[in-house]
């Protein structure tokens, strides 16, 4: 065979979300918005300068919160 790699196809990706996945996505989005609104304008500007977009800055904030949650 000339192209054996064609025989090992991966399952097709879908755009379907389970209800659980959708709820996690919505919850994460809400958390991102909440965190962003609590930041000072100076902090927002610094994050935008560092990460290039609000979406990237918010994703970094959420990741930081998930990896190392704030101490009570």
PDB file of N, CA and C in Angstrom:
ATOM      1  N   UNK A   1       0.835  -1.182   0.000  1.00  0.00           N
ATOM      2  CA  UNK A   1       0.000   0.000   0.000  1.00  0.00           C
ATOM      3  C   UNK A   1       0.876   1.239   0.000  1.00  0.00           C
ATOM      4  N   UNK A   2       0.417   2.211  -0.666  1.00  0.00           N
ATOM      5  CA  UNK A   2       1.187   3.449  -0.757  1.00  0.00           C
ATOM      6  C   UNK A   2       0.968   4.366   0.442  1.00  0.00           C
ATOM      7  N   UNK A   3      -0.218   4.371   0.977  1.00  0.00           N
ATOM      8  CA  UNK A   3      -0.547   5.328   2.029  1.00  0.00           C
ATOM      9  C   UNK A   3      -1.159   4.640   3.247  1.00  0.00           C
ATOM     10  N   UNK A   4      -0.368   3.883   3.979  1.00  0.00           N
ATOM     11  CA  UNK A   4      -0.939   3.150   5.128  1.00  0.00           C
ATOM     12  C   UNK A   4      -1.451   4.076   6.227  1.00  0.00           C
ATOM     13  N   UNK A   5      -0.951   5.303   6.289  1.00  0.00           N
ATOM     14  CA  UNK A   5      -1.416   6.226   7.321  1.00  0.00           C
ATOM     15  C   UNK A   5      -2.904   6.541   7.158  1.00  0.00           C
ATOM     16  N   UNK A   6      -3.435   6.345   5.989  1.00  0.00           N
ATOM     17  CA  UNK A   6      -4.856   6.629   5.765  1.00  0.00           C
ATOM     18  C   UNK A   6      -5.762   5.599   6.428  1.00  0.00           C
ATOM     19  N   UNK A   7      -5.203   4.460   6.808  1.00  0.00           N
ATOM     20  CA  UNK A   7      -6.005   3.407   7.419  1.00  0.00           C
ATOM     21  C   UNK A   7      -6.253   3.661   8.907  1.00  0.00           C
ATOM     22  N   UNK A   8      -5.437   4.476   9.530  1.00  0.00           N
ATOM     23  CA  UNK A   8      -5.539   4.732  10.969  1.00  0.00           C
ATOM     24  C   UNK A   8      -6.213   6.074  11.241  1.00  0.00           C
ATOM     25  N   UNK A   9      -7.383   6.238  10.772  1.00  0.00           N
ATOM     26  CA  UNK A   9      -8.085   7.506  10.953  1.00  0.00           C
ATOM     27  C   UNK A   9      -8.610   7.638  12.372  1.00  0.00           C
ATOM     28  N   UNK A  10      -8.493   8.845  12.883  1.00  0.00           N
ATOM     29  CA  UNK A  10      -9.021   9.130  14.214  1.00  0.00           C
ATOM     30  C   UNK A  10     -10.504   9.431  14.093  1.00  0.00           C
ATOM     31  N   UNK A  11     -11.250   9.236  15.174  1.00  0.00           N
ATOM     32  CA  UNK A  11     -12.673   9.570  15.123  1.00  0.00           C
ATOM     33  C   UNK A  11     -12.856  11.054  14.798  1.00  0.00           C
ATOM     34  N   UNK A  12     -13.907  11.348  14.101  1.00  0.00           N
ATOM     35  CA  UNK A  12     -14.181  12.732  13.714  1.00  0.00           C
ATOM     36  C   UNK A  12     -14.531  13.569  14.937  1.00  0.00           C
ATOM     37  N   UNK A  13     -14.062  14.813  14.935  1.00  0.00           N
ATOM     38  CA  UNK A  13     -14.411  15.743  16.006  1.00  0.00           C
ATOM     39  C   UNK A  13     -15.831  16.248  15.751  1.00  0.00           C
ATOM     40  N   UNK A  14     -16.530  16.538  16.818  1.00  0.00           N
ATOM     41  CA  UNK A  14     -17.876  17.088  16.662  1.00  0.00           C
ATOM     42  C   UNK A  14     -17.972  18.395  17.425  1.00  0.00           C
ATOM     43  N   UNK A  15     -18.967  19.162  17.098  1.00  0.00           N
ATOM     44  CA  UNK A  15     -19.219  20.420  17.794  1.00  0.00           C
ATOM     45  C   UNK A  15     -20.278  20.251  18.872  1.00  0.00           C
ATOM     46  N   UNK A  16     -20.652  19.016  19.168  1.00  0.00           N
ATOM     47  CA  UNK A  16     -21.689  18.760  20.157  1.00  0.00           C
ATOM     48  C   UNK A  16     -21.105  18.801  21.564  1.00  0.00           C
ATOM     49  N   UNK A  17     -21.827  19.457  22.474  1.00  0.00           N
ATOM     50  CA  UNK A  17     -21.447  19.521  23.876  1.00  0.00           C
ATOM     51  C   UNK A  17     -22.472  18.743  24.686  1.00  0.00           C
ATOM     52  N   UNK A  18     -21.985  18.059  25.694  1.00  0.00           N
ATOM     53  CA  UNK A  18     -22.930  17.465  26.632  1.00  0.00           C
ATOM     54  C   UNK A  18     -23.428  18.590  27.531  1.00  0.00           C
ATOM     55  N   UNK A  19     -24.478  18.333  28.270  1.00  0.00           N
ATOM     56  CA  UNK A  19     -24.998  19.349  29.182  1.00  0.00           C
ATOM     57  C   UNK A  19     -23.949  19.707  30.234  1.00  0.00           C
ATOM     58  N   UNK A  20     -23.211  18.725  30.696  1.00  0.00           N
ATOM     59  CA  UNK A  20     -22.159  18.973  31.690  1.00  0.00           C
ATOM     60  C   UNK A  20     -21.071  19.857  31.113  1.00  0.00           C
ATOM     61  N   UNK A  21     -20.626  19.563  29.900  1.00  0.00           N
ATOM     62  CA  UNK A  21     -19.589  20.377  29.265  1.00  0.00           C
ATOM     63  C   UNK A  21     -20.074  21.807  29.052  1.00  0.00           C
ATOM     64  N   UNK A  22     -21.315  21.964  28.632  1.00  0.00           N
ATOM     65  CA  UNK A  22     -21.870  23.295  28.422  1.00  0.00           C
ATOM     66  C   UNK A  22     -21.925  24.067  29.738  1.00  0.00           C
ATOM     67  N   UNK A  23     -22.318  23.402  30.826  1.00  0.00           N
ATOM     68  CA  UNK A  23     -22.376  24.065  32.129  1.00  0.00           C
ATOM     69  C   UNK A  23     -20.998  24.486  32.615  1.00  0.00           C
ATOM     70  N   UNK A  24     -19.994  23.649  32.368  1.00  0.00           N
ATOM     71  CA  UNK A  24     -18.623  24.006  32.748  1.00  0.00           C
ATOM     72  C   UNK A  24     -18.169  25.219  31.946  1.00  0.00           C
ATOM     73  N   UNK A  25     -18.451  25.234  30.666  1.00  0.00           N
ATOM     74  CA  UNK A  25     -18.071  26.352  29.813  1.00  0.00           C
ATOM     75  C   UNK A  25     -18.752  27.644  30.257  1.00  0.00           C
ATOM     76  N   UNK A  26     -20.028  27.572  30.558  1.00  0.00           N
ATOM     77  CA  UNK A  26     -20.766  28.744  31.026  1.00  0.00           C
ATOM     78  C   UNK A  26     -20.225  29.220  32.369  1.00  0.00           C
ATOM     79  N   UNK A  27     -19.980  28.285  33.281  1.00  0.00           N
ATOM     80  CA  UNK A  27     -19.442  28.649  34.587  1.00  0.00           C
ATOM     81  C   UNK A  27     -18.073  29.305  34.486  1.00  0.00           C
ATOM     82  N   UNK A  28     -17.227  28.791  33.613  1.00  0.00           N
ATOM     83  CA  UNK A  28     -15.902  29.366  33.419  1.00  0.00           C
ATOM     84  C   UNK A  28     -16.002  30.769  32.840  1.00  0.00           C
ATOM     85  N   UNK A  29     -16.899  30.953  31.892  1.00  0.00           N
ATOM     86  CA  UNK A  29     -17.107  32.269  31.295  1.00  0.00           C
ATOM     87  C   UNK A  29     -17.587  33.267  32.342  1.00  0.00           C
ATOM     88  N   UNK A  30     -18.517  32.857  33.178  1.00  0.00           N
ATOM     89  CA  UNK A  30     -19.008  33.739  34.238  1.00  0.00           C
ATOM     90  C   UNK A  30     -17.889  34.111  35.203  1.00  0.00           C
ATOM     91  N   UNK A  31     -17.043  33.148  35.530  1.00  0.00           N
ATOM     92  CA  UNK A  31     -15.924  33.417  36.441  1.00  0.00           C
ATOM     93  C   UNK A  31     -14.943  34.391  35.802  1.00  0.00           C
ATOM     94  N   UNK A  32     -14.679  34.213  34.513  1.00  0.00           N
ATOM     95  CA  UNK A  32     -13.772  35.117  33.808  1.00  0.00           C
ATOM     96  C   UNK A  32     -14.290  36.549  33.852  1.00  0.00           C
ATOM     97  N   UNK A  33     -15.573  36.719  33.609  1.00  0.00           N
ATOM     98  CA  UNK A  33     -16.166  38.060  33.623  1.00  0.00           C
ATOM     99  C   UNK A  33     -16.104  38.658  35.023  1.00  0.00           C
ATOM    100  N   UNK A  34     -16.410  37.858  36.038  1.00  0.00           N
ATOM    101  CA  UNK A  34     -16.379  38.327  37.424  1.00  0.00           C
ATOM    102  C   UNK A  34     -14.972  38.791  37.812  1.00  0.00           C
ATOM    103  N   UNK A  35     -13.972  37.999  37.484  1.00  0.00           N
ATOM    104  CA  UNK A  35     -12.592  38.355  37.810  1.00  0.00           C
ATOM    105  C   UNK A  35     -12.197  39.642  37.097  1.00  0.00           C
ATOM    106  N   UNK A  36     -12.511  39.750  35.826  1.00  0.00           N
ATOM    107  CA  UNK A  36     -12.142  40.932  35.041  1.00  0.00           C
ATOM    108  C   UNK A  36     -12.758  42.198  35.632  1.00  0.00           C
ATOM    109  N   UNK A  37     -14.010  42.127  36.019  1.00  0.00           N
ATOM    110  CA  UNK A  37     -14.708  43.311  36.560  1.00  0.00           C
ATOM    111  C   UNK A  37     -14.122  43.779  37.885  1.00  0.00           C
ATOM    112  N   UNK A  38     -13.521  42.869  38.642  1.00  0.00           N
ATOM    113  CA  UNK A  38     -12.937  43.237  39.934  1.00  0.00           C
ATOM    114  C   UNK A  38     -11.560  43.884  39.797  1.00  0.00           C
ATOM    115  N   UNK A  39     -10.963  43.773  38.633  1.00  0.00           N
ATOM    116  CA  UNK A  39      -9.623  44.328  38.434  1.00  0.00           C
ATOM    117  C   UNK A  39      -9.675  45.842  38.247  1.00  0.00           C
ATOM    118  N   UNK A  40      -8.625  46.506  38.715  1.00  0.00           N
ATOM    119  CA  UNK A  40      -8.507  47.952  38.479  1.00  0.00           C
ATOM    120  C   UNK A  40      -8.226  48.179  36.992  1.00  0.00           C
ATOM    121  N   UNK A  41      -8.535  49.380  36.500  1.00  0.00           N
ATOM    122  CA  UNK A  41      -8.224  49.686  35.100  1.00  0.00           C
ATOM    123  C   UNK A  41      -6.733  49.507  34.782  1.00  0.00           C
ATOM    124  N   UNK A  42      -5.887  49.816  35.760  1.00  0.00           N
ATOM    125  CA  UNK A  42      -4.443  49.660  35.546  1.00  0.00           C
ATOM    126  C   UNK A  42      -4.069  48.191  35.358  1.00  0.00           C
ATOM    127  N   UNK A  43      -4.652  47.326  36.182  1.00  0.00           N
ATOM    128  CA  UNK A  43      -4.377  45.885  36.080  1.00  0.00           C
ATOM    129  C   UNK A  43      -4.910  45.340  34.755  1.00  0.00           C
ATOM    130  N   UNK A  44      -6.098  45.781  34.351  1.00  0.00           N
ATOM    131  CA  UNK A  44      -6.648  45.356  33.064  1.00  0.00           C
ATOM    132  C   UNK A  44      -5.714  45.761  31.925  1.00  0.00           C
ATOM    133  N   UNK A  45      -5.226  47.002  31.967  1.00  0.00           N
ATOM    134  CA  UNK A  45      -4.326  47.496  30.921  1.00  0.00           C
ATOM    135  C   UNK A  45      -3.032  46.682  30.893  1.00  0.00           C
ATOM    136  N   UNK A  46      -2.492  46.355  32.071  1.00  0.00           N
ATOM    137  CA  UNK A  46      -1.260  45.571  32.139  1.00  0.00           C
ATOM    138  C   UNK A  46      -1.471  44.173  31.559  1.00  0.00           C
ATOM    139  N   UNK A  47      -2.608  43.561  31.878  1.00  0.00           N
ATOM    140  CA  UNK A  47      -2.895  42.218  31.359  1.00  0.00           C
ATOM    141  C   UNK A  47      -3.117  42.249  29.844  1.00  0.00           C
ATOM    142  N   UNK A  48      -3.795  43.282  29.359  1.00  0.00           N
ATOM    143  CA  UNK A  48      -3.995  43.409  27.917  1.00  0.00           C
ATOM    144  C   UNK A  48      -2.658  43.573  27.199  1.00  0.00           C
ATOM    145  N   UNK A  49      -1.757  44.366  27.796  1.00  0.00           N
ATOM    146  CA  UNK A  49      -0.438  44.566  27.191  1.00  0.00           C
ATOM    147  C   UNK A  49       0.346  43.252  27.172  1.00  0.00           C
ATOM    148  N   UNK A  50       0.231  42.474  28.225  1.00  0.00           N
ATOM    149  CA  UNK A  50       0.999  41.228  28.314  1.00  0.00           C
ATOM    150  C   UNK A  50       0.444  40.118  27.433  1.00  0.00           C
ATOM    151  N   UNK A  51      -0.890  39.966  27.411  1.00  0.00           N
ATOM    152  CA  UNK A  51      -1.499  38.824  26.728  1.00  0.00           C
ATOM    153  C   UNK A  51      -2.112  39.155  25.369  1.00  0.00           C
ATOM    154  N   UNK A  52      -2.191  40.430  25.015  1.00  0.00           N
ATOM    155  CA  UNK A  52      -2.615  40.810  23.675  1.00  0.00           C
ATOM    156  C   UNK A  52      -4.104  40.953  23.439  1.00  0.00           C
ATOM    157  N   UNK A  53      -4.926  40.300  24.232  1.00  0.00           N
ATOM    158  CA  UNK A  53      -6.374  40.432  24.076  1.00  0.00           C
ATOM    159  C   UNK A  53      -7.047  40.158  25.415  1.00  0.00           C
ATOM    160  N   UNK A  54      -8.270  40.643  25.542  1.00  0.00           N
ATOM    161  CA  UNK A  54      -9.019  40.414  26.778  1.00  0.00           C
ATOM    162  C   UNK A  54      -9.262  38.925  26.989  1.00  0.00           C
ATOM    163  N   UNK A  55      -9.574  38.215  25.907  1.00  0.00           N
ATOM    164  CA  UNK A  55      -9.832  36.777  26.017  1.00  0.00           C
ATOM    165  C   UNK A  55      -8.604  36.033  26.548  1.00  0.00           C
ATOM    166  N   UNK A  56      -7.429  36.355  26.011  1.00  0.00           N
ATOM    167  CA  UNK A  56      -6.206  35.692  26.471  1.00  0.00           C
ATOM    168  C   UNK A  56      -5.896  36.052  27.920  1.00  0.00           C
ATOM    169  N   UNK A  57      -6.097  37.315  28.272  1.00  0.00           N
ATOM    170  CA  UNK A  57      -5.839  37.752  29.646  1.00  0.00           C
ATOM    171  C   UNK A  57      -6.778  37.044  30.617  1.00  0.00           C
ATOM    172  N   UNK A  58      -8.046  36.945  30.254  1.00  0.00           N
ATOM    173  CA  UNK A  58      -9.020  36.279  31.114  1.00  0.00           C
ATOM    174  C   UNK A  58      -8.726  34.791  31.241  1.00  0.00           C
ATOM    175  N   UNK A  59      -8.347  34.177  30.153  1.00  0.00           N
ATOM    176  CA  UNK A  59      -8.003  32.751  30.205  1.00  0.00           C
ATOM    177  C   UNK A  59      -6.812  32.525  31.137  1.00  0.00           C
ATOM    178  N   UNK A  60      -5.840  33.411  31.094  1.00  0.00           N
ATOM    179  CA  UNK A  60      -4.685  33.299  31.988  1.00  0.00           C
ATOM    180  C   UNK A  60      -5.113  33.451  33.443  1.00  0.00           C
ATOM    181  N   UNK A  61      -6.016  34.394  33.703  1.00  0.00           N
ATOM    182  CA  UNK A  61      -6.507  34.597  35.068  1.00  0.00           C
ATOM    183  C   UNK A  61      -7.235  33.363  35.586  1.00  0.00           C
ATOM    184  N   UNK A  62      -8.110  32.821  34.784  1.00  0.00           N
ATOM    185  CA  UNK A  62      -8.871  31.643  35.204  1.00  0.00           C
ATOM    186  C   UNK A  62      -7.932  30.466  35.420  1.00  0.00           C
ATOM    187  N   UNK A  63      -6.982  30.276  34.528  1.00  0.00           N
ATOM    188  CA  UNK A  63      -6.023  29.182  34.677  1.00  0.00           C
ATOM    189  C   UNK A  63      -5.255  29.339  35.980  1.00  0.00           C
ATOM    190  N   UNK A  64      -4.823  30.556  36.267  1.00  0.00           N
ATOM    191  CA  UNK A  64      -4.092  30.815  37.506  1.00  0.00           C
ATOM    192  C   UNK A  64      -4.955  30.482  38.710  1.00  0.00           C
ATOM    193  N   UNK A  65      -6.222  30.843  38.669  1.00  0.00           N
ATOM    194  CA  UNK A  65      -7.138  30.564  39.769  1.00  0.00           C
ATOM    195  C   UNK A  65      -7.353  29.062  39.936  1.00  0.00           C
ATOM    196  N   UNK A  66      -7.440  28.335  38.831  1.00  0.00           N
ATOM    197  CA  UNK A  66      -7.670  26.896  38.905  1.00  0.00           C
ATOM    198  C   UNK A  66      -6.432  26.141  39.395  1.00  0.00           C
ATOM    199  N   UNK A  67      -5.258  26.610  38.989  1.00  0.00           N
ATOM    200  CA  UNK A  67      -4.020  25.923  39.366  1.00  0.00           C
ATOM    201  C   UNK A  67      -3.607  26.271  40.791  1.00  0.00           C
ATOM    202  N   UNK A  68      -3.737  27.537  41.145  1.00  0.00           N
ATOM    203  CA  UNK A  68      -3.308  27.987  42.484  1.00  0.00           C
ATOM    204  C   UNK A  68      -4.379  28.916  43.054  1.00  0.00           C
ATOM    205  N   UNK A  69      -5.465  28.349  43.564  1.00  0.00           N
ATOM    206  CA  UNK A  69      -6.559  29.166  44.087  1.00  0.00           C
ATOM    207  C   UNK A  69      -6.089  30.121  45.191  1.00  0.00           C
ATOM    208  N   UNK A  70      -6.763  31.247  45.251  1.00  0.00           N
ATOM    209  CA  UNK A  70      -6.442  32.234  46.276  1.00  0.00           C
ATOM    210  C   UNK A  70      -6.632  31.637  47.669  1.00  0.00           C
ATOM    211  N   UNK A  71      -5.787  32.034  48.577  1.00  0.00           N
ATOM    212  CA  UNK A  71      -5.884  31.542  49.956  1.00  0.00           C
ATOM    213  C   UNK A  71      -7.040  32.247  50.656  1.00  0.00           C
ATOM    214  N   UNK A  72      -7.776  31.524  51.506  1.00  0.00           N
ATOM    215  CA  UNK A  72      -8.930  32.140  52.197  1.00  0.00           C
ATOM    216  C   UNK A  72      -8.527  33.196  53.181  1.00  0.00           C
TER     217      UNK A  72
END
